[in-house]
Amino acid sequence: MTKSYTYKDSGVDIEKAEASLNRLKKQIAATNTPQVLSGVGLFGGFYDISELGYKKPVLVSSTDGVGTKLKVAMLTGKHDTVGQDLVNHCINDIAVCGAHALYFMDYFACGTLETGVYEAVVGGVAEACKNAGIPLLGGETAEMPDFYQPGDYDICGTISGIVEKDNIITGDAIAAGDVLIGIPSNGLHTNGYTLARNVLLDAYDVHTTLDDFGMTVGEEMLRIHRNYYPLIQKMRKTVSVKGVSHVTGGGIVKNTSRLLTENLALDVNWGSWPVPAVFEVIEKTGNVPQDDMRQTFNMGVGLIVVVAEDQVDALLSLAEGETFYPMGRVIQA
């Protein structure tokens, strides 16, 4: 007798995915702004920019993932933070260009859909979108049992923003003598986790509490990537900002150098800010070379603002509970 196959028998349960999405719809709808004409449900999301008041609007987009930080979420069984990481990372990437975030879209892929995991991840995406004041306009869920191992999943996100053409931050005005002002990260953020996991999880269990961290290894590694957008907007209203660098994969030098012309370089004063314990523990435990640490991790600085020297005092006066680190200068190459 010929065997009969169904999609569900093959490992894809459409009804289960739809039921999970239906449970999330109220949370997703809570992220909507007045510009949303149609969000989740149709083949595309509709966002009206006609009343935003831009004279020369330029759309800015970015896409990213969370990388192997997801492995830490899987090991700890805590999945409600990585979606927030995803949104905040993407927002920062366009905020440093001067853009205002408009909306976000997500993609979730797995082998077998575990509804609790899926709803925690996408719920985290929705929470971060609501906190940022942008709608989760749409997304995609893919169940691929022959592609991912049981329990594995991946996420990525795409953000769209808008900026007045004359207000784009390009770094073109940066010159020798300009000052680098660092703004703290709260830990690893979303980069370098393959190295961090190899070192920390070879030496410790995710549930081990370390005095250096004041929490478990897993909790330290799952700290949520900071959203710098409100701070960037605040700085731009008061200070003439020449460039802003989001410190992600590649570290302080490689990311900030993207703003510079070929005749310029960075002179970073590496001892001018406190390095969070997680980086010191990784370096010591894994005997990681210092150069490798610096090009893999943010080393405690998640954002770098480049300003002329005469703007430094005005920028530092904006701290109000935030910590700013004068951490070097732009020099001739």
C-alpha atoms as a PDB file:
ATOM      1  CA  MET A   1       0.000   0.000   0.000  1.00  0.00           C
ATOM      2  CA  THR A   2       1.355   3.460  -0.904  1.00  0.00           C
ATOM      3  CA  LYS A   3       2.027   5.618   2.149  1.00  0.00           C
ATOM      4  CA  SER A   4       0.035   8.848   2.424  1.00  0.00           C
ATOM      5  CA  TYR A   5       1.923  11.975   3.454  1.00  0.00           C
ATOM      6  CA  THR A   6       0.658  15.235   4.900  1.00  0.00           C
ATOM      7  CA  TYR A   7       2.533  18.437   5.660  1.00  0.00           C
ATOM      8  CA  LYS A   8       1.985  17.799   9.391  1.00  0.00           C
ATOM      9  CA  ASP A   9       3.349  14.232   9.074  1.00  0.00           C
ATOM     10  CA  SER A  10       6.439  15.751   7.451  1.00  0.00           C
ATOM     11  CA  GLY A  11       7.014  17.949  10.497  1.00  0.00           C
ATOM     12  CA  VAL A  12       5.298  21.238   9.679  1.00  0.00           C
ATOM     13  CA  ASP A  13       2.219  22.101  11.739  1.00  0.00           C
ATOM     14  CA  ILE A  14       0.616  25.184  10.179  1.00  0.00           C
ATOM     15  CA  GLU A  15      -2.281  25.198  12.635  1.00  0.00           C
ATOM     16  CA  LYS A  16       0.073  25.301  15.632  1.00  0.00           C
ATOM     17  CA  ALA A  17       1.940  28.279  14.201  1.00  0.00           C
ATOM     18  CA  GLU A  18      -1.314  30.090  13.449  1.00  0.00           C
ATOM     19  CA  ALA A  19      -2.601  29.467  16.975  1.00  0.00           C
ATOM     20  CA  SER A  20       0.590  30.930  18.474  1.00  0.00           C
ATOM     21  CA  LEU A  21       0.392  33.968  16.212  1.00  0.00           C
ATOM     22  CA  ASN A  22      -3.239  34.519  17.190  1.00  0.00           C
ATOM     23  CA  ARG A  23      -2.213  34.548  20.853  1.00  0.00           C
ATOM     24  CA  LEU A  24       0.400  37.191  20.044  1.00  0.00           C
ATOM     25  CA  LYS A  25      -1.787  39.435  17.896  1.00  0.00           C
ATOM     26  CA  LYS A  26      -3.015  41.604  20.763  1.00  0.00           C
ATOM     27  CA  GLN A  27       0.551  42.193  21.950  1.00  0.00           C
ATOM     28  CA  ILE A  28       1.686  42.964  18.398  1.00  0.00           C
ATOM     29  CA  ALA A  29      -1.269  45.294  17.782  1.00  0.00           C
ATOM     30  CA  ALA A  30      -0.303  47.226  20.919  1.00  0.00           C
ATOM     31  CA  THR A  31       2.840  48.372  19.075  1.00  0.00           C
ATOM     32  CA  ASN A  32       0.855  50.071  16.301  1.00  0.00           C
ATOM     33  CA  THR A  33       1.182  53.792  15.697  1.00  0.00           C
ATOM     34  CA  PRO A  34      -1.275  56.048  13.825  1.00  0.00           C
ATOM     35  CA  GLN A  35       0.753  55.597  10.632  1.00  0.00           C
ATOM     36  CA  VAL A  36       0.003  51.856  10.465  1.00  0.00           C
ATOM     37  CA  LEU A  37      -2.675  51.211   7.862  1.00  0.00           C
ATOM     38  CA  SER A  38      -2.398  47.435   7.938  1.00  0.00           C
ATOM     39  CA  GLY A  39      -0.085  45.290   9.974  1.00  0.00           C
ATOM     40  CA  VAL A  40       0.002  41.551  10.578  1.00  0.00           C
ATOM     41  CA  GLY A  41      -2.418  39.572   8.447  1.00  0.00           C
ATOM     42  CA  LEU A  42      -2.075  40.716   4.851  1.00  0.00           C
ATOM     43  CA  PHE A  43       0.767  39.919   2.466  1.00  0.00           C
ATOM     44  CA  GLY A  44       2.495  43.169   3.356  1.00  0.00           C
ATOM     45  CA  GLY A  45       2.391  45.811   6.058  1.00  0.00           C
ATOM     46  CA  PHE A  46       1.343  49.353   5.169  1.00  0.00           C
ATOM     47  CA  TYR A  47       2.860  52.434   6.795  1.00  0.00           C
ATOM     48  CA  ASP A  48       1.830  55.977   5.820  1.00  0.00           C
ATOM     49  CA  ILE A  49       4.701  58.507   5.809  1.00  0.00           C
ATOM     50  CA  SER A  50       2.772  61.284   4.042  1.00  0.00           C
ATOM     51  CA  GLU A  51       2.034  63.288   7.208  1.00  0.00           C
ATOM     52  CA  LEU A  52       5.448  63.048   8.878  1.00  0.00           C
ATOM     53  CA  GLY A  53       6.525  66.469   7.631  1.00  0.00           C
ATOM     54  CA  TYR A  54       9.800  65.648   5.920  1.00  0.00           C
ATOM     55  CA  LYS A  55      10.923  67.937   3.085  1.00  0.00           C
ATOM     56  CA  LYS A  56      13.556  65.619   1.599  1.00  0.00           C
ATOM     57  CA  PRO A  57      12.848  62.249   3.226  1.00  0.00           C
ATOM     58  CA  VAL A  58      15.446  59.510   2.903  1.00  0.00           C
ATOM     59  CA  LEU A  59      14.572  55.965   3.952  1.00  0.00           C
ATOM     60  CA  VAL A  60      17.183  54.077   5.963  1.00  0.00           C
ATOM     61  CA  SER A  61      17.065  50.296   6.417  1.00  0.00           C
ATOM     62  CA  SER A  62      19.116  47.705   8.247  1.00  0.00           C
ATOM     63  CA  THR A  63      18.865  43.988   8.947  1.00  0.00           C
ATOM     64  CA  ASP A  64      20.592  41.841  11.530  1.00  0.00           C
ATOM     65  CA  GLY A  65      20.359  38.825  13.803  1.00  0.00           C
ATOM     66  CA  VAL A  66      21.387  37.906  17.338  1.00  0.00           C
ATOM     67  CA  GLY A  67      23.993  35.315  16.402  1.00  0.00           C
ATOM     68  CA  THR A  68      24.994  32.547  18.765  1.00  0.00           C
ATOM     69  CA  LYS A  69      23.646  34.422  21.776  1.00  0.00           C
ATOM     70  CA  LEU A  70      20.611  32.293  20.929  1.00  0.00           C
ATOM     71  CA  LYS A  71      22.553  29.250  22.150  1.00  0.00           C
ATOM     72  CA  VAL A  72      22.685  30.826  25.615  1.00  0.00           C
ATOM     73  CA  ALA A  73      18.931  31.369  25.523  1.00  0.00           C
ATOM     74  CA  MET A  74      18.466  27.718  24.584  1.00  0.00           C
ATOM     75  CA  LEU A  75      20.747  26.515  27.391  1.00  0.00           C
ATOM     76  CA  THR A  76      19.035  28.655  30.040  1.00  0.00           C
ATOM     77  CA  GLY A  77      15.512  28.153  28.732  1.00  0.00           C
ATOM     78  CA  LYS A  78      15.026  31.936  28.838  1.00  0.00           C
ATOM     79  CA  HIS A  79      13.831  33.238  25.479  1.00  0.00           C
ATOM     80  CA  ASP A  80      12.100  36.556  26.239  1.00  0.00           C
ATOM     81  CA  THR A  81      15.206  38.759  25.968  1.00  0.00           C
ATOM     82  CA  VAL A  82      16.752  37.839  22.607  1.00  0.00           C
ATOM     83  CA  GLY A  83      13.858  39.421  20.704  1.00  0.00           C
ATOM     84  CA  GLN A  84      14.554  42.659  22.555  1.00  0.00           C
ATOM     85  CA  ASP A  85      18.228  42.361  21.623  1.00  0.00           C
ATOM     86  CA  LEU A  86      17.232  42.051  17.981  1.00  0.00           C
ATOM     87  CA  VAL A  87      15.100  45.197  17.934  1.00  0.00           C
ATOM     88  CA  ASN A  88      17.523  47.347  19.915  1.00  0.00           C
ATOM     89  CA  HIS A  89      20.527  46.318  17.819  1.00  0.00           C
ATOM     90  CA  CYS A  90      18.714  47.218  14.604  1.00  0.00           C
ATOM     91  CA  ILE A  91      17.410  50.527  15.975  1.00  0.00           C
ATOM     92  CA  ASN A  92      20.929  51.555  16.967  1.00  0.00           C
ATOM     93  CA  ASP A  93      22.267  50.759  13.509  1.00  0.00           C
ATOM     94  CA  ILE A  94      19.988  53.308  11.854  1.00  0.00           C
ATOM     95  CA  ALA A  95      19.941  55.780  14.759  1.00  0.00           C
ATOM     96  CA  VAL A  96      23.681  56.382  14.344  1.00  0.00           C
ATOM     97  CA  CYS A  97      22.892  57.526  10.790  1.00  0.00           C
ATOM     98  CA  GLY A  98      20.541  60.155  12.192  1.00  0.00           C
ATOM     99  CA  ALA A  99      17.382  58.228  11.337  1.00  0.00           C
ATOM    100  CA  HIS A 100      14.090  58.037  13.161  1.00  0.00           C
ATOM    101  CA  ALA A 101      12.841  54.441  13.318  1.00  0.00           C
ATOM    102  CA  LEU A 102       9.525  53.837  11.527  1.00  0.00           C
ATOM    103  CA  TYR A 103       8.741  50.135  11.851  1.00  0.00           C
ATOM    104  CA  PHE A 104      10.223  46.683  12.406  1.00  0.00           C
ATOM    105  CA  MET A 105       9.742  43.258  10.817  1.00  0.00           C
ATOM    106  CA  ASP A 106      10.918  39.903  12.169  1.00  0.00           C
ATOM    107  CA  TYR A 107      11.743  36.418  10.921  1.00  0.00           C
ATOM    108  CA  PHE A 108      11.672  33.318  13.140  1.00  0.00           C
ATOM    109  CA  ALA A 109      12.913  29.954  11.842  1.00  0.00           C
ATOM    110  CA  CYS A 110      13.057  26.618  13.645  1.00  0.00           C
ATOM    111  CA  GLY A 111      13.051  22.868  13.182  1.00  0.00           C
ATOM    112  CA  THR A 112       9.930  22.077  15.184  1.00  0.00           C
ATOM    113  CA  LEU A 113       7.846  24.960  16.462  1.00  0.00           C
ATOM    114  CA  GLU A 114       7.796  25.028  20.252  1.00  0.00           C
ATOM    115  CA  THR A 115       4.949  27.410  20.977  1.00  0.00           C
ATOM    116  CA  GLY A 116       6.279  28.604  24.349  1.00  0.00           C
ATOM    117  CA  VAL A 117       9.661  29.469  22.867  1.00  0.00           C
ATOM    118  CA  TYR A 118       8.178  31.130  19.798  1.00  0.00           C
ATOM    119  CA  GLU A 119       5.756  33.236  21.805  1.00  0.00           C
ATOM    120  CA  ALA A 120       8.494  34.303  24.255  1.00  0.00           C
ATOM    121  CA  VAL A 121      10.832  35.356  21.437  1.00  0.00           C
ATOM    122  CA  VAL A 122       8.254  37.240  19.376  1.00  0.00           C
ATOM    123  CA  GLY A 123       6.723  38.631  22.546  1.00  0.00           C
ATOM    124  CA  GLY A 124      10.160  40.094  23.333  1.00  0.00           C
ATOM    125  CA  VAL A 125      10.296  41.632  19.869  1.00  0.00           C
ATOM    126  CA  ALA A 126       6.889  43.208  20.434  1.00  0.00           C
ATOM    127  CA  GLU A 127       7.871  44.485  23.889  1.00  0.00           C
ATOM    128  CA  ALA A 128      10.988  46.184  22.551  1.00  0.00           C
ATOM    129  CA  CYS A 129       9.041  47.701  19.668  1.00  0.00           C
ATOM    130  CA  LYS A 130       6.459  49.085  22.068  1.00  0.00           C
ATOM    131  CA  ASN A 131       9.196  50.501  24.326  1.00  0.00           C
ATOM    132  CA  ALA A 132      10.769  52.152  21.278  1.00  0.00           C
ATOM    133  CA  GLY A 133       7.460  53.530  20.017  1.00  0.00           C
ATOM    134  CA  ILE A 134       7.538  51.675  16.696  1.00  0.00           C
ATOM    135  CA  PRO A 135       5.145  49.070  15.299  1.00  0.00           C
ATOM    136  CA  LEU A 136       5.965  45.455  14.646  1.00  0.00           C
ATOM    137  CA  LEU A 137       4.534  45.710  11.154  1.00  0.00           C
ATOM    138  CA  GLY A 138       4.890  42.106  10.052  1.00  0.00           C
ATOM    139  CA  GLY A 139       7.055  39.033   9.986  1.00  0.00           C
ATOM    140  CA  GLU A 140       7.492  35.432   8.965  1.00  0.00           C
ATOM    141  CA  THR A 141       7.566  32.116  10.792  1.00  0.00           C
ATOM    142  CA  ALA A 142       9.331  29.182   9.130  1.00  0.00           C
ATOM    143  CA  GLU A 143       9.214  25.607  10.432  1.00  0.00           C
ATOM    144  CA  MET A 144      11.916  23.549   8.700  1.00  0.00           C
ATOM    145  CA  PRO A 145      12.396  20.160  10.392  1.00  0.00           C
ATOM    146  CA  ASP A 146      15.004  18.915   7.900  1.00  0.00           C
ATOM    147  CA  PHE A 147      17.129  22.054   8.276  1.00  0.00           C
ATOM    148  CA  TYR A 148      17.319  22.847  12.006  1.00  0.00           C
ATOM    149  CA  GLN A 149      18.034  20.423  14.834  1.00  0.00           C
ATOM    150  CA  PRO A 150      15.262  19.926  17.446  1.00  0.00           C
ATOM    151  CA  GLY A 151      15.272  22.841  19.875  1.00  0.00           C
ATOM    152  CA  ASP A 152      17.271  25.114  17.580  1.00  0.00           C
ATOM    153  CA  TYR A 153      15.903  28.330  16.132  1.00  0.00           C
ATOM    154  CA  ASP A 154      17.158  31.501  14.502  1.00  0.00           C
ATOM    155  CA  ILE A 155      15.807  35.023  14.335  1.00  0.00           C
ATOM    156  CA  CYS A 156      16.561  38.084  12.273  1.00  0.00           C
ATOM    157  CA  GLY A 157      14.958  41.472  11.931  1.00  0.00           C
ATOM    158  CA  THR A 158      14.691  44.330   9.474  1.00  0.00           C
ATOM    159  CA  ILE A 159      14.117  47.916  10.481  1.00  0.00           C
ATOM    160  CA  SER A 160      13.104  50.865   8.338  1.00  0.00           C
ATOM    161  CA  GLY A 161      13.628  54.473   9.336  1.00  0.00           C
ATOM    162  CA  ILE A 162      13.562  57.951   7.890  1.00  0.00           C
ATOM    163  CA  VAL A 163      15.840  60.971   8.004  1.00  0.00           C
ATOM    164  CA  GLU A 164      15.861  64.423   6.468  1.00  0.00           C
ATOM    165  CA  LYS A 165      18.450  64.318   3.691  1.00  0.00           C
ATOM    166  CA  ASP A 166      20.350  67.303   5.084  1.00  0.00           C
ATOM    167  CA  ASN A 167      20.508  65.694   8.546  1.00  0.00           C
ATOM    168  CA  ILE A 168      22.127  62.371   7.660  1.00  0.00           C
ATOM    169  CA  ILE A 169      25.142  61.622   9.879  1.00  0.00           C
ATOM    170  CA  THR A 170      27.863  60.467   7.494  1.00  0.00           C
ATOM    171  CA  GLY A 171      31.097  61.370   9.276  1.00  0.00           C
ATOM    172  CA  ASP A 172      32.191  63.506   6.317  1.00  0.00           C
ATOM    173  CA  ALA A 173      32.909  66.482   8.583  1.00  0.00           C
ATOM    174  CA  ILE A 174      35.193  64.569  10.949  1.00  0.00           C
ATOM    175  CA  ALA A 175      38.686  66.059  11.145  1.00  0.00           C
ATOM    176  CA  ALA A 176      41.945  65.502  12.989  1.00  0.00           C
ATOM    177  CA  GLY A 177      41.636  66.760  16.556  1.00  0.00           C
ATOM    178  CA  ASP A 178      38.011  65.753  17.002  1.00  0.00           C
ATOM    179  CA  VAL A 179      37.229  63.973  20.253  1.00  0.00           C
ATOM    180  CA  LEU A 180      35.831  60.481  20.825  1.00  0.00           C
ATOM    181  CA  ILE A 181      33.202  60.246  23.563  1.00  0.00           C
ATOM    182  CA  GLY A 182      32.282  56.725  24.648  1.00  0.00           C
ATOM    183  CA  ILE A 183      28.948  55.684  26.112  1.00  0.00           C
ATOM    184  CA  PRO A 184      28.833  52.472  28.143  1.00  0.00           C
ATOM    185  CA  SER A 185      27.465  49.158  27.020  1.00  0.00           C
ATOM    186  CA  ASN A 186      25.867  46.922  29.625  1.00  0.00           C
ATOM    187  CA  GLY A 187      27.954  43.902  28.677  1.00  0.00           C
ATOM    188  CA  LEU A 188      28.400  41.728  25.624  1.00  0.00           C
ATOM    189  CA  HIS A 189      25.344  43.088  23.772  1.00  0.00           C
ATOM    190  CA  THR A 190      24.974  40.749  20.746  1.00  0.00           C
ATOM    191  CA  ASN A 191      28.494  40.261  19.425  1.00  0.00           C
ATOM    192  CA  GLY A 192      31.389  37.899  20.067  1.00  0.00           C
ATOM    193  CA  TYR A 193      29.259  35.121  21.517  1.00  0.00           C
ATOM    194  CA  THR A 194      31.039  32.306  19.741  1.00  0.00           C
ATOM    195  CA  LEU A 195      34.238  33.243  21.583  1.00  0.00           C
ATOM    196  CA  ALA A 196      32.406  34.142  24.810  1.00  0.00           C
ATOM    197  CA  ARG A 197      30.551  30.815  24.853  1.00  0.00           C
ATOM    198  CA  ASN A 198      33.670  28.785  24.102  1.00  0.00           C
ATOM    199  CA  VAL A 199      35.470  30.391  27.027  1.00  0.00           C
ATOM    200  CA  LEU A 200      32.776  30.846  29.659  1.00  0.00           C
ATOM    201  CA  LEU A 201      30.710  27.731  29.055  1.00  0.00           C
ATOM    202  CA  ASP A 202      33.785  25.553  28.897  1.00  0.00           C
ATOM    203  CA  ALA A 203      34.677  26.728  32.399  1.00  0.00           C
ATOM    204  CA  TYR A 204      31.235  27.252  33.955  1.00  0.00           C
ATOM    205  CA  ASP A 205      27.647  26.075  33.766  1.00  0.00           C
ATOM    206  CA  VAL A 206      25.139  28.727  32.678  1.00  0.00           C
ATOM    207  CA  HIS A 207      23.524  28.459  36.124  1.00  0.00           C
ATOM    208  CA  THR A 208      26.781  29.054  38.025  1.00  0.00           C
ATOM    209  CA  THR A 209      26.794  32.305  40.000  1.00  0.00           C
ATOM    210  CA  LEU A 210      30.054  34.236  39.773  1.00  0.00           C
ATOM    211  CA  ASP A 211      30.968  36.893  42.325  1.00  0.00           C
ATOM    212  CA  ASP A 212      32.534  38.918  39.496  1.00  0.00           C
ATOM    213  CA  PHE A 213      29.131  39.130  37.819  1.00  0.00           C
ATOM    214  CA  GLY A 214      26.860  39.213  40.849  1.00  0.00           C
ATOM    215  CA  MET A 215      24.575  36.865  38.926  1.00  0.00           C
ATOM    216  CA  THR A 216      24.710  33.611  37.016  1.00  0.00           C
ATOM    217  CA  VAL A 217      26.840  33.208  33.911  1.00  0.00           C
ATOM    218  CA  GLY A 218      23.683  32.799  31.834  1.00  0.00           C
ATOM    219  CA  GLU A 219      22.107  35.971  33.241  1.00  0.00           C
ATOM    220  CA  GLU A 220      25.250  37.964  32.505  1.00  0.00           C
ATOM    221  CA  MET A 221      25.377  36.666  28.933  1.00  0.00           C
ATOM    222  CA  LEU A 222      21.689  37.450  28.368  1.00  0.00           C
ATOM    223  CA  ARG A 223      21.842  41.106  29.397  1.00  0.00           C
ATOM    224  CA  ILE A 224      19.707  43.002  26.879  1.00  0.00           C
ATOM    225  CA  HIS A 225      21.496  45.030  24.207  1.00  0.00           C
ATOM    226  CA  ARG A 226      21.027  48.722  25.016  1.00  0.00           C
ATOM    227  CA  ASN A 227      18.818  50.956  22.892  1.00  0.00           C
ATOM    228  CA  TYR A 228      20.750  54.204  22.346  1.00  0.00           C
ATOM    229  CA  TYR A 229      18.191  55.898  20.108  1.00  0.00           C
ATOM    230  CA  PRO A 230      16.698  58.282  22.755  1.00  0.00           C
ATOM    231  CA  LEU A 231      20.183  59.362  23.830  1.00  0.00           C
ATOM    232  CA  ILE A 232      21.316  59.981  20.246  1.00  0.00           C
ATOM    233  CA  GLN A 233      18.239  62.127  19.591  1.00  0.00           C
ATOM    234  CA  LYS A 234      18.865  64.102  22.765  1.00  0.00           C
ATOM    235  CA  MET A 235      22.504  64.771  21.869  1.00  0.00           C
ATOM    236  CA  ARG A 236      21.695  65.929  18.360  1.00  0.00           C
ATOM    237  CA  LYS A 237      19.296  68.579  19.643  1.00  0.00           C
ATOM    238  CA  THR A 238      22.053  70.299  21.628  1.00  0.00           C
ATOM    239  CA  VAL A 239      25.436  69.356  20.170  1.00  0.00           C
ATOM    240  CA  SER A 240      26.921  69.387  16.691  1.00  0.00           C
ATOM    241  CA  VAL A 241      27.517  65.652  16.253  1.00  0.00           C
ATOM    242  CA  LYS A 242      29.969  64.770  13.469  1.00  0.00           C
ATOM    243  CA  GLY A 243      29.708  61.008  13.667  1.00  0.00           C
ATOM    244  CA  VAL A 244      28.257  58.192  15.760  1.00  0.00           C
ATOM    245  CA  SER A 245      29.512  54.623  15.877  1.00  0.00           C
ATOM    246  CA  HIS A 246      27.507  51.626  17.104  1.00  0.00           C
ATOM    247  CA  VAL A 247      30.154  49.274  18.496  1.00  0.00           C
ATOM    248  CA  THR A 248      29.249  45.776  17.317  1.00  0.00           C
ATOM    249  CA  GLY A 249      31.248  42.997  15.650  1.00  0.00           C
ATOM    250  CA  GLY A 250      34.753  44.289  14.923  1.00  0.00           C
ATOM    251  CA  GLY A 251      35.007  46.282  18.122  1.00  0.00           C
ATOM    252  CA  ILE A 252      35.731  49.940  18.812  1.00  0.00           C
ATOM    253  CA  VAL A 253      38.355  50.615  16.165  1.00  0.00           C
ATOM    254  CA  LYS A 254      36.880  48.831  13.158  1.00  0.00           C
ATOM    255  CA  ASN A 255      33.366  50.174  13.678  1.00  0.00           C
ATOM    256  CA  THR A 256      34.393  53.768  14.349  1.00  0.00           C
ATOM    257  CA  SER A 257      36.901  53.759  11.485  1.00  0.00           C
ATOM    258  CA  ARG A 258      33.972  53.274   9.103  1.00  0.00           C
ATOM    259  CA  LEU A 259      33.224  56.981   9.679  1.00  0.00           C
ATOM    260  CA  LEU A 260      36.695  58.178   8.695  1.00  0.00           C
ATOM    261  CA  THR A 261      38.269  59.153   5.399  1.00  0.00           C
ATOM    262  CA  GLU A 262      41.493  57.404   4.385  1.00  0.00           C
ATOM    263  CA  ASN A 263      43.740  60.176   5.728  1.00  0.00           C
ATOM    264  CA  LEU A 264      42.373  59.860   9.272  1.00  0.00           C
ATOM    265  CA  ALA A 265      42.847  57.327  12.079  1.00  0.00           C
ATOM    266  CA  LEU A 266      41.875  56.782  15.712  1.00  0.00           C
ATOM    267  CA  ASP A 267      44.009  57.348  18.784  1.00  0.00           C
ATOM    268  CA  VAL A 268      42.114  55.431  21.480  1.00  0.00           C
ATOM    269  CA  ASN A 269      43.062  55.831  25.130  1.00  0.00           C
ATOM    270  CA  TRP A 270      42.279  52.277  26.199  1.00  0.00           C
ATOM    271  CA  GLY A 271      42.649  52.966  29.907  1.00  0.00           C
ATOM    272  CA  SER A 272      40.134  55.801  30.056  1.00  0.00           C
ATOM    273  CA  TRP A 273      37.002  53.833  30.974  1.00  0.00           C
ATOM    274  CA  PRO A 274      36.203  50.916  33.307  1.00  0.00           C
ATOM    275  CA  VAL A 275      36.025  47.552  31.504  1.00  0.00           C
ATOM    276  CA  PRO A 276      33.060  45.452  32.741  1.00  0.00           C
ATOM    277  CA  ALA A 277      33.898  42.254  34.576  1.00  0.00           C
ATOM    278  CA  VAL A 278      32.570  39.959  31.863  1.00  0.00           C
ATOM    279  CA  PHE A 279      35.349  41.004  29.487  1.00  0.00           C
ATOM    280  CA  GLU A 280      38.038  40.634  32.129  1.00  0.00           C
ATOM    281  CA  VAL A 281      36.772  37.156  33.030  1.00  0.00           C
ATOM    282  CA  ILE A 282      36.730  36.080  29.375  1.00  0.00           C
ATOM    283  CA  GLU A 283      40.247  37.401  28.762  1.00  0.00           C
ATOM    284  CA  LYS A 284      41.682  35.761  31.882  1.00  0.00           C
ATOM    285  CA  THR A 285      39.768  32.477  31.745  1.00  0.00           C
ATOM    286  CA  GLY A 286      40.380  31.888  28.055  1.00  0.00           C
ATOM    287  CA  ASN A 287      43.868  33.403  27.924  1.00  0.00           C
ATOM    288  CA  VAL A 288      42.533  35.496  25.038  1.00  0.00           C
ATOM    289  CA  PRO A 289      45.067  37.894  23.448  1.00  0.00           C
ATOM    290  CA  GLN A 290      44.257  41.534  24.120  1.00  0.00           C
ATOM    291  CA  ASP A 291      44.122  42.410  20.426  1.00  0.00           C
ATOM    292  CA  ASP A 292      41.595  39.634  19.879  1.00  0.00           C
ATOM    293  CA  MET A 293      39.460  40.918  22.757  1.00  0.00           C
ATOM    294  CA  ARG A 294      39.465  44.437  21.321  1.00  0.00           C
ATOM    295  CA  GLN A 295      38.425  43.421  17.809  1.00  0.00           C
ATOM    296  CA  THR A 296      35.771  40.940  19.004  1.00  0.00           C
ATOM    297  CA  PHE A 297      33.969  42.745  21.825  1.00  0.00           C
ATOM    298  CA  ASN A 298      32.766  46.267  22.637  1.00  0.00           C
ATOM    299  CA  MET A 299      34.908  46.224  25.827  1.00  0.00           C
ATOM    300  CA  GLY A 300      32.305  48.228  27.720  1.00  0.00           C
ATOM    301  CA  VAL A 301      31.666  50.970  25.150  1.00  0.00           C
ATOM    302  CA  GLY A 302      28.532  50.455  23.090  1.00  0.00           C
ATOM    303  CA  LEU A 303      28.395  53.817  21.350  1.00  0.00           C
ATOM    304  CA  ILE A 304      31.004  56.379  20.321  1.00  0.00           C
ATOM    305  CA  VAL A 305      30.174  59.979  19.463  1.00  0.00           C
ATOM    306  CA  VAL A 306      32.639  62.128  17.509  1.00  0.00           C
ATOM    307  CA  VAL A 307      32.533  65.878  18.163  1.00  0.00           C
ATOM    308  CA  ALA A 308      34.813  68.877  17.760  1.00  0.00           C
ATOM    309  CA  GLU A 309      36.772  69.778  20.879  1.00  0.00           C
ATOM    310  CA  ASP A 310      34.701  72.900  21.475  1.00  0.00           C
ATOM    311  CA  GLN A 311      31.564  70.733  21.736  1.00  0.00           C
ATOM    312  CA  VAL A 312      32.872  68.353  24.412  1.00  0.00           C
ATOM    313  CA  ASP A 313      31.739  70.336  27.468  1.00  0.00           C
ATOM    314  CA  ALA A 314      28.250  70.787  26.021  1.00  0.00           C
ATOM    315  CA  LEU A 315      28.024  67.063  25.326  1.00  0.00           C
ATOM    316  CA  LEU A 316      29.250  66.061  28.782  1.00  0.00           C
ATOM    317  CA  SER A 317      26.701  68.404  30.377  1.00  0.00           C
ATOM    318  CA  LEU A 318      23.919  66.245  28.919  1.00  0.00           C
ATOM    319  CA  ALA A 319      24.879  63.216  30.997  1.00  0.00           C
ATOM    320  CA  GLU A 320      22.137  63.502  33.670  1.00  0.00           C
ATOM    321  CA  GLY A 321      22.577  59.974  34.992  1.00  0.00           C
ATOM    322  CA  GLU A 322      24.402  58.691  31.912  1.00  0.00           C
ATOM    323  CA  THR A 323      28.170  58.230  31.937  1.00  0.00           C
ATOM    324  CA  PHE A 324      30.305  59.659  29.129  1.00  0.00           C
ATOM    325  CA  TYR A 325      33.944  58.720  28.624  1.00  0.00           C
ATOM    326  CA  PRO A 326      36.337  61.018  26.742  1.00  0.00           C
ATOM    327  CA  MET A 327      38.325  58.164  25.233  1.00  0.00           C
ATOM    328  CA  GLY A 328      40.592  59.459  22.500  1.00  0.00           C
ATOM    329  CA  ARG A 329      40.895  61.563  19.386  1.00  0.00           C
ATOM    330  CA  VAL A 330      40.881  61.490  15.624  1.00  0.00           C
ATOM    331  CA  ILE A 331      44.384  61.913  14.211  1.00  0.00           C
ATOM    332  CA  GLN A 332      46.079  62.147  10.836  1.00  0.00           C
ATOM    333  CA  ALA A 333      46.792  58.683   9.426  1.00  0.00           C
END
